[in-house]
Amino acid sequence: MMNKYTIGFAMCGSFCTFSKAIEQMRKLSELGHSIVPIMSHNAYNTDTKFGKAKDFRKTIEDICGRSIIHSIVEAEPIGPKKMTDIMLIAPCTGNTLGKLCNAVTDTPVTMATKSHLRIQRPLVITLATNDALGASAENLGKAINTKNIFFVPIKQDDPITKPNSLVADFDFILPTIEMSMKNKQIQPVFI
């Protein structure tokens, strides 16, 4: 029998992956995990060709049965109050990865993550960025080698036209969570 966790499910602005992220959020909820939704300012407020922000917010709140944390003030108590067993960022942009690796805490997602990590609990990153093998490569290397940070397996999504782009395989979120709770990185990281 699988353990049930309280999962901080943080979303950043890789809007093209929102449908995959929300599908995994729904699966985690259906499996009995408690989901604490967190969104960056951009993810919470921006309408794109992939959908309207208000529609995403409604869907997420319906799945989770609670309001989305969308301010730094709301996110700060996550660690001290031990509100989450695990923090999942899905999707995690190169921008957010860079902020995490360089101690920049200026969004609800970065605050939630910093607060969660300070109590030494696992963080699972579901990367989706066009510059992972370019400008963000240094941050990717830092994060992979940081205690309590685990990655959902990553692959090049379009090596011909976007050779620096990496996107996690969202179907590996649950197995990555299970491994991270045992303090192990799922392998292979790069698929």
N, C-alpha and C. Protein backbone atom coordinates (compact mmCIF):
# COMPACT_ATOMS: atom_id res chain seq x y z
N MET A 1 0.83 -1.18 0.00
CA MET A 1 0.00 0.00 0.00
C MET A 1 0.88 1.25 0.00
N MET A 2 0.55 2.19 -0.88
CA MET A 2 1.32 3.41 -1.02
C MET A 2 0.98 4.38 0.12
N ASN A 3 2.00 5.08 0.62
CA ASN A 3 1.77 6.11 1.63
C ASN A 3 1.02 7.28 1.01
N LYS A 4 0.28 8.00 1.83
CA LYS A 4 -0.43 9.20 1.39
C LYS A 4 0.34 10.40 1.92
N TYR A 5 0.57 11.37 1.05
CA TYR A 5 1.36 12.53 1.40
C TYR A 5 0.56 13.81 1.23
N THR A 6 1.01 14.85 1.94
CA THR A 6 0.54 16.20 1.65
C THR A 6 1.58 16.81 0.73
N ILE A 7 1.15 17.10 -0.48
CA ILE A 7 2.06 17.54 -1.54
C ILE A 7 1.81 19.01 -1.86
N GLY A 8 2.84 19.82 -1.69
CA GLY A 8 2.79 21.19 -2.19
C GLY A 8 2.99 21.10 -3.69
N PHE A 9 1.98 21.50 -4.46
CA PHE A 9 2.04 21.40 -5.92
C PHE A 9 2.17 22.82 -6.47
N ALA A 10 3.40 23.21 -6.78
CA ALA A 10 3.69 24.57 -7.22
C ALA A 10 3.79 24.62 -8.74
N MET A 11 3.20 25.66 -9.32
CA MET A 11 3.19 25.80 -10.77
C MET A 11 3.80 27.15 -11.18
N CYS A 12 4.70 27.08 -12.16
CA CYS A 12 5.31 28.27 -12.74
C CYS A 12 4.78 28.44 -14.17
N GLY A 13 5.28 29.46 -14.85
CA GLY A 13 4.70 29.87 -16.12
C GLY A 13 5.11 29.14 -17.39
N SER A 14 5.35 27.86 -17.36
CA SER A 14 5.53 27.10 -18.60
C SER A 14 4.15 26.64 -19.04
N PHE A 15 3.39 27.57 -19.60
CA PHE A 15 1.96 27.37 -19.86
C PHE A 15 1.67 26.21 -20.79
N CYS A 16 2.60 25.91 -21.70
CA CYS A 16 2.37 24.81 -22.65
C CYS A 16 2.32 23.45 -21.95
N THR A 17 2.76 23.38 -20.70
CA THR A 17 2.72 22.10 -19.97
C THR A 17 1.64 22.08 -18.89
N PHE A 18 0.82 23.11 -18.80
CA PHE A 18 -0.21 23.16 -17.75
C PHE A 18 -1.17 21.98 -17.83
N SER A 19 -1.57 21.58 -19.03
CA SER A 19 -2.53 20.47 -19.12
C SER A 19 -1.91 19.18 -18.57
N LYS A 20 -0.62 18.95 -18.84
CA LYS A 20 0.05 17.77 -18.29
C LYS A 20 0.17 17.85 -16.77
N ALA A 21 0.49 19.04 -16.27
CA ALA A 21 0.63 19.22 -14.83
C ALA A 21 -0.71 19.00 -14.13
N ILE A 22 -1.76 19.57 -14.68
CA ILE A 22 -3.08 19.43 -14.06
C ILE A 22 -3.56 17.99 -14.11
N GLU A 23 -3.24 17.29 -15.18
CA GLU A 23 -3.59 15.86 -15.26
C GLU A 23 -2.92 15.08 -14.13
N GLN A 24 -1.64 15.38 -13.86
CA GLN A 24 -0.93 14.69 -12.77
C GLN A 24 -1.46 15.11 -11.40
N MET A 25 -1.84 16.38 -11.28
CA MET A 25 -2.45 16.85 -10.03
C MET A 25 -3.72 16.06 -9.75
N ARG A 26 -4.53 15.88 -10.78
CA ARG A 26 -5.78 15.13 -10.63
C ARG A 26 -5.48 13.69 -10.21
N LYS A 27 -4.49 13.05 -10.85
CA LYS A 27 -4.13 11.67 -10.50
C LYS A 27 -3.67 11.56 -9.06
N LEU A 28 -2.83 12.49 -8.63
CA LEU A 28 -2.35 12.46 -7.24
C LEU A 28 -3.50 12.61 -6.26
N SER A 29 -4.43 13.50 -6.58
CA SER A 29 -5.59 13.70 -5.72
C SER A 29 -6.46 12.45 -5.68
N GLU A 30 -6.68 11.83 -6.84
CA GLU A 30 -7.50 10.62 -6.91
C GLU A 30 -6.87 9.46 -6.14
N LEU A 31 -5.54 9.47 -6.02
CA LEU A 31 -4.84 8.44 -5.26
C LEU A 31 -4.90 8.69 -3.76
N GLY A 32 -5.49 9.80 -3.36
CA GLY A 32 -5.68 10.09 -1.95
C GLY A 32 -4.67 11.03 -1.32
N HIS A 33 -3.78 11.59 -2.14
CA HIS A 33 -2.84 12.57 -1.61
C HIS A 33 -3.55 13.89 -1.41
N SER A 34 -3.16 14.61 -0.38
CA SER A 34 -3.68 15.95 -0.13
C SER A 34 -2.80 16.94 -0.90
N ILE A 35 -3.42 17.79 -1.72
CA ILE A 35 -2.66 18.70 -2.56
C ILE A 35 -2.83 20.13 -2.06
N VAL A 36 -1.70 20.80 -1.83
CA VAL A 36 -1.67 22.22 -1.48
C VAL A 36 -1.22 22.97 -2.74
N PRO A 37 -2.14 23.63 -3.46
CA PRO A 37 -1.77 24.29 -4.71
C PRO A 37 -1.08 25.64 -4.47
N ILE A 38 -0.03 25.87 -5.24
CA ILE A 38 0.76 27.11 -5.15
C ILE A 38 1.02 27.56 -6.59
N MET A 39 0.87 28.84 -6.85
CA MET A 39 1.16 29.34 -8.20
C MET A 39 2.01 30.61 -8.13
N SER A 40 2.93 30.72 -9.08
CA SER A 40 3.69 31.96 -9.22
C SER A 40 2.73 33.07 -9.66
N HIS A 41 3.18 34.31 -9.54
CA HIS A 41 2.35 35.43 -9.97
C HIS A 41 1.93 35.27 -11.42
N ASN A 42 2.90 34.93 -12.29
CA ASN A 42 2.60 34.78 -13.71
C ASN A 42 1.65 33.63 -13.97
N ALA A 43 1.88 32.50 -13.34
CA ALA A 43 1.00 31.35 -13.55
C ALA A 43 -0.42 31.67 -13.09
N TYR A 44 -0.55 32.39 -11.99
CA TYR A 44 -1.85 32.71 -11.41
C TYR A 44 -2.63 33.73 -12.22
N ASN A 45 -1.94 34.66 -12.87
CA ASN A 45 -2.61 35.82 -13.49
C ASN A 45 -2.60 35.88 -15.01
N THR A 46 -1.83 35.09 -15.70
CA THR A 46 -1.62 35.29 -17.13
C THR A 46 -2.52 34.42 -18.00
N ASP A 47 -3.24 35.09 -18.91
CA ASP A 47 -4.00 34.40 -19.95
C ASP A 47 -3.05 34.15 -21.13
N THR A 48 -3.11 32.96 -21.71
CA THR A 48 -2.26 32.63 -22.86
C THR A 48 -3.09 31.88 -23.89
N LYS A 49 -2.45 31.51 -24.99
CA LYS A 49 -3.13 30.71 -26.00
C LYS A 49 -3.47 29.31 -25.47
N PHE A 50 -2.89 28.94 -24.33
CA PHE A 50 -3.15 27.62 -23.74
C PHE A 50 -4.33 27.64 -22.78
N GLY A 51 -4.84 28.83 -22.45
CA GLY A 51 -6.01 28.92 -21.60
C GLY A 51 -6.04 30.20 -20.78
N LYS A 52 -7.18 30.44 -20.17
CA LYS A 52 -7.37 31.63 -19.33
C LYS A 52 -6.99 31.30 -17.89
N ALA A 53 -6.33 32.25 -17.24
CA ALA A 53 -5.87 32.07 -15.87
C ALA A 53 -7.02 31.69 -14.94
N LYS A 54 -8.17 32.37 -15.07
CA LYS A 54 -9.30 32.09 -14.16
C LYS A 54 -9.80 30.66 -14.34
N ASP A 55 -9.74 30.12 -15.57
CA ASP A 55 -10.17 28.74 -15.80
C ASP A 55 -9.19 27.75 -15.16
N PHE A 56 -7.89 28.01 -15.31
CA PHE A 56 -6.90 27.15 -14.66
C PHE A 56 -7.07 27.19 -13.15
N ARG A 57 -7.25 28.38 -12.59
CA ARG A 57 -7.42 28.50 -11.13
C ARG A 57 -8.63 27.72 -10.64
N LYS A 58 -9.74 27.84 -11.35
CA LYS A 58 -10.96 27.13 -10.94
C LYS A 58 -10.74 25.62 -10.98
N THR A 59 -10.15 25.13 -12.05
CA THR A 59 -9.88 23.69 -12.19
C THR A 59 -8.99 23.20 -11.05
N ILE A 60 -7.92 23.94 -10.77
CA ILE A 60 -6.97 23.54 -9.72
C ILE A 60 -7.65 23.54 -8.36
N GLU A 61 -8.41 24.57 -8.06
CA GLU A 61 -9.08 24.64 -6.75
C GLU A 61 -10.14 23.56 -6.62
N ASP A 62 -10.80 23.22 -7.72
CA ASP A 62 -11.78 22.13 -7.69
C ASP A 62 -11.09 20.79 -7.39
N ILE A 63 -9.95 20.55 -8.03
CA ILE A 63 -9.21 19.30 -7.82
C ILE A 63 -8.71 19.21 -6.38
N CYS A 64 -8.15 20.30 -5.88
CA CYS A 64 -7.49 20.30 -4.57
C CYS A 64 -8.44 20.53 -3.40
N GLY A 65 -9.60 21.10 -3.69
CA GLY A 65 -10.56 21.38 -2.62
C GLY A 65 -10.09 22.48 -1.68
N ARG A 66 -9.23 23.36 -2.16
CA ARG A 66 -8.74 24.47 -1.34
C ARG A 66 -8.25 25.59 -2.24
N SER A 67 -8.09 26.76 -1.66
CA SER A 67 -7.62 27.93 -2.40
C SER A 67 -6.15 27.80 -2.75
N ILE A 68 -5.78 28.43 -3.83
CA ILE A 68 -4.39 28.44 -4.29
C ILE A 68 -3.60 29.45 -3.46
N ILE A 69 -2.44 29.04 -3.01
CA ILE A 69 -1.49 29.97 -2.39
C ILE A 69 -0.86 30.76 -3.53
N HIS A 70 -1.03 32.09 -3.51
CA HIS A 70 -0.52 32.89 -4.61
C HIS A 70 0.14 34.19 -4.16
N SER A 71 0.59 34.21 -2.91
CA SER A 71 1.36 35.36 -2.44
C SER A 71 2.52 34.85 -1.59
N ILE A 72 3.54 35.67 -1.49
CA ILE A 72 4.71 35.32 -0.68
C ILE A 72 4.31 35.17 0.78
N VAL A 73 3.44 36.03 1.25
CA VAL A 73 2.99 35.98 2.65
C VAL A 73 2.29 34.66 2.94
N GLU A 74 1.44 34.19 2.03
CA GLU A 74 0.74 32.92 2.22
C GLU A 74 1.70 31.73 2.18
N ALA A 75 2.78 31.85 1.38
CA ALA A 75 3.71 30.73 1.18
C ALA A 75 4.72 30.57 2.30
N GLU A 76 5.05 31.65 2.99
CA GLU A 76 6.13 31.62 3.98
C GLU A 76 5.92 30.60 5.10
N PRO A 77 4.71 30.40 5.63
CA PRO A 77 4.54 29.46 6.76
C PRO A 77 4.65 27.98 6.40
N ILE A 78 4.77 27.65 5.12
CA ILE A 78 4.76 26.24 4.71
C ILE A 78 5.78 25.41 5.49
N GLY A 79 7.00 25.88 5.59
CA GLY A 79 8.03 25.14 6.33
C GLY A 79 7.82 25.15 7.83
N PRO A 80 7.75 26.34 8.43
CA PRO A 80 7.60 26.38 9.90
C PRO A 80 6.38 25.62 10.41
N LYS A 81 5.30 25.62 9.66
CA LYS A 81 4.09 24.92 10.08
C LYS A 81 4.04 23.47 9.59
N LYS A 82 5.12 23.07 8.87
CA LYS A 82 5.21 21.69 8.34
C LYS A 82 3.94 21.32 7.57
N MET A 83 3.57 22.20 6.65
CA MET A 83 2.32 22.05 5.89
C MET A 83 2.41 21.01 4.78
N THR A 84 3.62 20.63 4.35
CA THR A 84 3.78 19.70 3.24
C THR A 84 4.84 18.65 3.56
N ASP A 85 4.58 17.43 3.12
CA ASP A 85 5.58 16.37 3.23
C ASP A 85 6.60 16.48 2.11
N ILE A 86 6.14 16.95 0.98
CA ILE A 86 6.98 17.05 -0.22
C ILE A 86 6.54 18.27 -1.00
N MET A 87 7.48 18.92 -1.66
CA MET A 87 7.16 20.04 -2.54
C MET A 87 7.45 19.59 -3.96
N LEU A 88 6.50 19.80 -4.84
CA LEU A 88 6.62 19.46 -6.25
C LEU A 88 6.44 20.74 -7.05
N ILE A 89 7.40 21.05 -7.90
CA ILE A 89 7.22 22.17 -8.82
C ILE A 89 6.99 21.56 -10.20
N ALA A 90 5.78 21.77 -10.72
CA ALA A 90 5.39 21.17 -12.01
C ALA A 90 4.41 22.11 -12.72
N PRO A 91 4.85 22.83 -13.70
CA PRO A 91 6.19 22.87 -14.28
C PRO A 91 7.12 23.83 -13.53
N CYS A 92 8.41 23.57 -13.67
CA CYS A 92 9.43 24.47 -13.15
C CYS A 92 10.16 25.08 -14.34
N THR A 93 10.09 26.39 -14.46
CA THR A 93 10.77 27.10 -15.55
C THR A 93 12.26 27.26 -15.26
N GLY A 94 13.01 27.58 -16.28
CA GLY A 94 14.43 27.90 -16.10
C GLY A 94 14.59 29.11 -15.21
N ASN A 95 13.68 30.05 -15.30
CA ASN A 95 13.71 31.25 -14.46
C ASN A 95 13.60 30.87 -12.98
N THR A 96 12.64 30.03 -12.65
CA THR A 96 12.47 29.62 -11.25
C THR A 96 13.65 28.76 -10.80
N LEU A 97 14.13 27.87 -11.64
CA LEU A 97 15.30 27.06 -11.29
C LEU A 97 16.48 27.97 -10.95
N GLY A 98 16.70 29.00 -11.77
CA GLY A 98 17.79 29.94 -11.52
C GLY A 98 17.62 30.67 -10.19
N LYS A 99 16.39 31.06 -9.89
CA LYS A 99 16.13 31.75 -8.62
C LYS A 99 16.41 30.82 -7.44
N LEU A 100 15.96 29.56 -7.54
CA LEU A 100 16.20 28.61 -6.46
C LEU A 100 17.69 28.38 -6.22
N CYS A 101 18.45 28.28 -7.31
CA CYS A 101 19.88 28.00 -7.20
C CYS A 101 20.68 29.20 -6.72
N ASN A 102 20.09 30.38 -6.79
CA ASN A 102 20.80 31.59 -6.42
C ASN A 102 20.12 32.34 -5.26
N ALA A 103 19.30 31.62 -4.51
CA ALA A 103 18.67 32.14 -3.28
C ALA A 103 17.84 33.39 -3.52
N VAL A 104 17.15 33.46 -4.65
CA VAL A 104 16.23 34.56 -4.92
C VAL A 104 14.83 34.11 -4.53
N THR A 105 14.21 34.85 -3.63
CA THR A 105 12.89 34.48 -3.11
C THR A 105 11.93 35.63 -3.37
N ASP A 106 11.38 35.68 -4.59
CA ASP A 106 10.52 36.81 -4.94
C ASP A 106 9.19 36.40 -5.58
N THR A 107 8.83 35.13 -5.44
CA THR A 107 7.53 34.66 -5.93
C THR A 107 6.94 33.71 -4.88
N PRO A 108 5.65 33.44 -4.96
CA PRO A 108 5.07 32.45 -4.04
C PRO A 108 5.74 31.07 -4.17
N VAL A 109 6.13 30.70 -5.39
CA VAL A 109 6.76 29.38 -5.59
C VAL A 109 8.14 29.33 -4.96
N THR A 110 8.95 30.36 -5.17
CA THR A 110 10.29 30.34 -4.57
C THR A 110 10.22 30.43 -3.05
N MET A 111 9.27 31.20 -2.52
CA MET A 111 9.11 31.28 -1.07
C MET A 111 8.63 29.94 -0.50
N ALA A 112 7.64 29.34 -1.14
CA ALA A 112 7.14 28.04 -0.67
C ALA A 112 8.26 27.01 -0.66
N THR A 113 9.06 27.01 -1.71
CA THR A 113 10.14 26.04 -1.83
C THR A 113 11.22 26.29 -0.78
N LYS A 114 11.63 27.54 -0.63
CA LYS A 114 12.63 27.87 0.38
C LYS A 114 12.14 27.49 1.78
N SER A 115 10.90 27.81 2.06
CA SER A 115 10.31 27.51 3.36
C SER A 115 10.27 26.00 3.61
N HIS A 116 9.89 25.26 2.58
CA HIS A 116 9.82 23.79 2.67
C HIS A 116 11.21 23.17 2.85
N LEU A 117 12.17 23.63 2.05
CA LEU A 117 13.52 23.05 2.11
C LEU A 117 14.21 23.33 3.44
N ARG A 118 13.84 24.41 4.12
CA ARG A 118 14.53 24.73 5.37
C ARG A 118 14.24 23.70 6.46
N ILE A 119 13.19 22.88 6.28
CA ILE A 119 12.94 21.81 7.25
C ILE A 119 13.38 20.45 6.69
N GLN A 120 14.22 20.52 5.65
CA GLN A 120 14.93 19.34 5.12
C GLN A 120 14.00 18.28 4.54
N ARG A 121 12.94 18.73 3.89
CA ARG A 121 12.04 17.79 3.22
C ARG A 121 12.28 17.83 1.72
N PRO A 122 11.88 16.78 1.00
CA PRO A 122 12.23 16.69 -0.42
C PRO A 122 11.47 17.68 -1.32
N LEU A 123 12.21 18.14 -2.34
CA LEU A 123 11.69 18.96 -3.41
C LEU A 123 11.84 18.18 -4.70
N VAL A 124 10.75 18.04 -5.46
CA VAL A 124 10.79 17.38 -6.76
C VAL A 124 10.57 18.45 -7.83
N ILE A 125 11.50 18.52 -8.77
CA ILE A 125 11.44 19.51 -9.85
C ILE A 125 11.04 18.83 -11.15
N THR A 126 10.01 19.37 -11.78
CA THR A 126 9.53 18.90 -13.08
C THR A 126 9.88 19.99 -14.08
N LEU A 127 11.07 19.91 -14.63
CA LEU A 127 11.63 20.98 -15.45
C LEU A 127 10.94 21.10 -16.80
N ALA A 128 10.74 22.33 -17.23
CA ALA A 128 10.23 22.62 -18.58
C ALA A 128 10.79 23.97 -18.99
N THR A 129 11.89 23.94 -19.74
CA THR A 129 12.54 25.20 -20.12
C THR A 129 13.26 25.06 -21.46
N ASN A 130 13.19 26.12 -22.24
CA ASN A 130 13.83 26.14 -23.55
C ASN A 130 15.34 26.35 -23.48
N ASP A 131 15.89 26.68 -22.31
CA ASP A 131 17.32 26.95 -22.23
C ASP A 131 18.06 26.06 -21.22
N ALA A 132 17.53 24.89 -20.94
CA ALA A 132 18.15 24.00 -19.95
C ALA A 132 19.56 23.58 -20.34
N LEU A 133 19.81 23.44 -21.63
CA LEU A 133 21.14 23.05 -22.08
C LEU A 133 21.92 24.26 -22.59
N GLY A 134 21.42 25.44 -22.27
CA GLY A 134 22.07 26.70 -22.60
C GLY A 134 22.34 27.46 -21.33
N ALA A 135 21.70 28.61 -21.20
CA ALA A 135 21.93 29.50 -20.06
C ALA A 135 21.58 28.87 -18.72
N SER A 136 20.63 27.96 -18.69
CA SER A 136 20.21 27.34 -17.42
C SER A 136 21.00 26.09 -17.06
N ALA A 137 21.93 25.67 -17.90
CA ALA A 137 22.66 24.42 -17.65
C ALA A 137 23.43 24.45 -16.33
N GLU A 138 24.03 25.58 -16.00
CA GLU A 138 24.78 25.69 -14.75
C GLU A 138 23.84 25.49 -13.55
N ASN A 139 22.65 26.08 -13.62
CA ASN A 139 21.69 25.92 -12.53
C ASN A 139 21.18 24.49 -12.42
N LEU A 140 20.98 23.85 -13.56
CA LEU A 140 20.57 22.45 -13.56
C LEU A 140 21.62 21.59 -12.84
N GLY A 141 22.89 21.84 -13.17
CA GLY A 141 23.97 21.10 -12.50
C GLY A 141 24.01 21.35 -11.01
N LYS A 142 23.83 22.60 -10.61
CA LYS A 142 23.80 22.93 -9.17
C LYS A 142 22.68 22.19 -8.46
N ALA A 143 21.50 22.25 -9.04
CA ALA A 143 20.33 21.67 -8.39
C ALA A 143 20.43 20.15 -8.30
N ILE A 144 20.93 19.52 -9.34
CA ILE A 144 21.07 18.06 -9.32
C ILE A 144 21.99 17.62 -8.18
N ASN A 145 22.93 18.48 -7.83
CA ASN A 145 23.90 18.15 -6.79
C ASN A 145 23.57 18.76 -5.43
N THR A 146 22.32 19.14 -5.23
CA THR A 146 21.90 19.75 -3.96
C THR A 146 21.05 18.77 -3.17
N LYS A 147 21.37 18.67 -1.89
CA LYS A 147 20.65 17.78 -0.98
C LYS A 147 19.15 18.10 -0.99
N ASN A 148 18.34 17.07 -0.99
CA ASN A 148 16.87 17.14 -0.92
C ASN A 148 16.20 17.65 -2.19
N ILE A 149 16.94 17.79 -3.28
CA ILE A 149 16.34 18.17 -4.56
C ILE A 149 16.43 16.98 -5.50
N PHE A 150 15.29 16.65 -6.09
CA PHE A 150 15.17 15.50 -6.98
C PHE A 150 14.49 15.93 -8.27
N PHE A 151 14.83 15.28 -9.38
CA PHE A 151 14.29 15.66 -10.68
C PHE A 151 13.42 14.55 -11.27
N VAL A 152 12.30 14.96 -11.81
CA VAL A 152 11.50 14.08 -12.65
C VAL A 152 12.34 13.88 -13.93
N PRO A 153 12.45 12.65 -14.46
CA PRO A 153 13.28 12.42 -15.64
C PRO A 153 12.99 13.41 -16.78
N ILE A 154 14.08 13.86 -17.39
CA ILE A 154 14.05 14.94 -18.37
C ILE A 154 14.50 14.42 -19.73
N LYS A 155 13.93 15.04 -20.78
CA LYS A 155 14.37 14.70 -22.14
C LYS A 155 14.31 15.93 -23.04
N GLN A 156 15.05 15.88 -24.13
CA GLN A 156 14.94 16.93 -25.13
C GLN A 156 13.59 16.76 -25.82
N ASP A 157 12.84 17.84 -25.88
CA ASP A 157 11.51 17.72 -26.48
C ASP A 157 11.54 17.95 -27.98
N ASP A 158 12.53 18.68 -28.50
CA ASP A 158 12.64 18.92 -29.94
C ASP A 158 14.10 19.26 -30.25
N PRO A 159 14.98 18.24 -30.29
CA PRO A 159 16.41 18.50 -30.41
C PRO A 159 16.83 19.18 -31.71
N ILE A 160 16.03 19.10 -32.75
CA ILE A 160 16.41 19.73 -34.02
C ILE A 160 16.14 21.24 -34.00
N THR A 161 14.92 21.63 -33.67
CA THR A 161 14.59 23.06 -33.72
C THR A 161 14.78 23.78 -32.39
N LYS A 162 14.87 23.03 -31.27
CA LYS A 162 15.09 23.63 -29.95
C LYS A 162 16.16 22.81 -29.21
N PRO A 163 17.40 22.85 -29.67
CA PRO A 163 18.42 21.95 -29.12
C PRO A 163 18.77 22.19 -27.65
N ASN A 164 18.44 23.33 -27.08
CA ASN A 164 18.74 23.60 -25.67
C ASN A 164 17.57 23.31 -24.75
N SER A 165 16.44 22.88 -25.30
CA SER A 165 15.21 22.70 -24.53
C SER A 165 15.13 21.32 -23.89
N LEU A 166 14.72 21.31 -22.62
CA LEU A 166 14.45 20.06 -21.91
C LEU A 166 13.08 20.16 -21.26
N VAL A 167 12.35 19.05 -21.31
CA VAL A 167 11.05 18.97 -20.64
C VAL A 167 10.98 17.63 -19.92
N ALA A 168 10.54 17.69 -18.67
CA ALA A 168 10.38 16.47 -17.88
C ALA A 168 9.23 15.63 -18.45
N ASP A 169 9.30 14.34 -18.23
CA ASP A 169 8.22 13.44 -18.58
C ASP A 169 7.25 13.42 -17.39
N PHE A 170 6.16 14.16 -17.51
CA PHE A 170 5.22 14.34 -16.40
C PHE A 170 4.65 13.01 -15.89
N ASP A 171 4.65 11.97 -16.71
CA ASP A 171 4.16 10.67 -16.27
C ASP A 171 5.04 10.05 -15.18
N PHE A 172 6.24 10.58 -14.99
CA PHE A 172 7.16 10.07 -13.97
C PHE A 172 7.06 10.84 -12.65
N ILE A 173 6.09 11.74 -12.52
CA ILE A 173 5.98 12.51 -11.28
C ILE A 173 5.76 11.59 -10.08
N LEU A 174 4.79 10.72 -10.13
CA LEU A 174 4.51 9.86 -8.97
C LEU A 174 5.69 8.96 -8.61
N PRO A 175 6.31 8.25 -9.55
CA PRO A 175 7.47 7.43 -9.15
C PRO A 175 8.63 8.27 -8.60
N THR A 176 8.79 9.50 -9.11
CA THR A 176 9.85 10.37 -8.59
C THR A 176 9.54 10.79 -7.16
N ILE A 177 8.27 11.09 -6.90
CA ILE A 177 7.86 11.43 -5.53
C ILE A 177 8.15 10.26 -4.60
N GLU A 178 7.76 9.07 -5.00
CA GLU A 178 7.97 7.89 -4.15
C GLU A 178 9.45 7.67 -3.86
N MET A 179 10.30 7.83 -4.87
CA MET A 179 11.75 7.64 -4.67
C MET A 179 12.32 8.75 -3.79
N SER A 180 11.86 9.99 -4.00
CA SER A 180 12.40 11.11 -3.22
C SER A 180 12.06 10.97 -1.74
N MET A 181 10.92 10.36 -1.44
CA MET A 181 10.56 10.15 -0.04
C MET A 181 11.46 9.10 0.62
N LYS A 182 12.20 8.37 -0.21
CA LYS A 182 13.22 7.43 0.29
C LYS A 182 14.62 8.04 0.17
N ASN A 183 14.65 9.35 -0.14
CA ASN A 183 15.89 10.10 -0.32
C ASN A 183 16.73 9.56 -1.48
N LYS A 184 16.06 9.15 -2.56
CA LYS A 184 16.75 8.62 -3.74
C LYS A 184 16.25 9.31 -5.00
N GLN A 185 17.17 9.54 -5.92
CA GLN A 185 16.85 10.11 -7.21
C GLN A 185 16.46 8.97 -8.16
N ILE A 186 15.30 9.09 -8.78
CA ILE A 186 14.90 8.10 -9.79
C ILE A 186 15.91 8.13 -10.93
N GLN A 187 16.17 6.99 -11.50
CA GLN A 187 17.14 6.88 -12.60
C GLN A 187 16.48 6.25 -13.81
N PRO A 188 16.92 6.60 -15.01
CA PRO A 188 17.86 7.65 -15.31
C PRO A 188 17.22 9.03 -15.20
N VAL A 189 18.03 10.05 -14.93
CA VAL A 189 17.53 11.42 -14.86
C VAL A 189 17.28 11.92 -16.27
N PHE A 190 18.17 11.59 -17.20
CA PHE A 190 18.03 12.02 -18.59
C PHE A 190 17.58 10.84 -19.44
N ILE A 191 16.41 10.97 -20.05
CA ILE A 191 15.87 9.87 -20.84
C ILE A 191 15.80 10.21 -22.31
